[in-house]
Amino acid sequence: MRTRTLSAAVYVAVFVAALARGGWAWAGLVAAIAAVGTLELYHLARAGGRWPTLAVGAAMAPAMALAIAAGSDAHGAPMPWPGAVLALGVIAAFVAQIARPADRRALDDWAVTLAAPVYLGGLLGHLIALRGLPDGHGLAWSALALALVWGNDSAAYLGGRAFGRRPFFPSLSPRKTVEGGLAGLAASVGIGWAAPALAGAVGGGLAPLAGVSPLATAGVGLVVGVVGPAGDLAESFLKRQVGAKDSGGWIPGHGGILDRVDSIAFAAPVLYYVASWLTA
């Protein structure tokens, strides 16, 4: 527990510092996480007998994240970057297979090469886009995103340890319980409901949230309380395919990078589009 707590403190400190800084500090951190998470997925795939092309994924994942964040130009016109990155990735993955000896070419390897960076780069790129919302909304909504996901994770973990009795998707995550899931859901709704009042009291970079209805932010918390755990189960599904407990060992007591961003990867697109709508 001590190792888990210390690792979490360092992880949170890095995230918060980059988020507060914004710009390339935040974009670079998210892009790097997408790249490392993709490589972790590739190593899991290799444990399952698949051989994706690491170089393609290592380049495509951060490029996809940055392309998703680019979104549109200064006049709001859609930009072609995500499509361009995807097209180049498809071509590069095919070229990598063609360059292999005939007995090592595999459709599965080509598919995994593309799936991992699209999954992580495509979803996590919305974190960069969320931070880039204008008029101070980016920092406020990004802080809320982290609070909702981390609050859900922590409450689910502690609630499960204290009250957990009934298993929740035991075939994917044997330690998760219904009671823990409900505790996490309650926490994310509660954090969402309290967010406008807390933002008004704290002010500063959180001030834009003060003008949002608590009912709206509680609704956002409810959605995050559902899609966040779904992201965690999705990653568990991938790990169970190869019998792995963790995606890696980057964070002592927690596992790999992917083990820590699986929930927020699913929550990021939801938060970005809801925040964009509410602040339009």
Foldseek 3Di string as FASTA:
>chain_A
DVLQVVLVVVVVVQQVVLLVVADCSNLVVLLQLLLQQLVLLQVLVVLVVAHADSVLSNVLQSQLLQQVLCQADPVNHGDCRNVVSLVVSLVVLVVVLVPDPPVRRDPVRSVSNNPSSCLRSVLSSLLSNLLPDPDLRSSQLSVLLVQLLVQLVVQLVVQLVVPFDAADPCVQPVSGGPRSLVRSLVRLLVCQLCQLVVCCVVPDSNPVSVPDHSVLRSVLSNVLSPQLVVLLSVVSVSNVSSVHPASACPRPPQHDSCSVCSSSSRSSVVSSVSSVVVVD
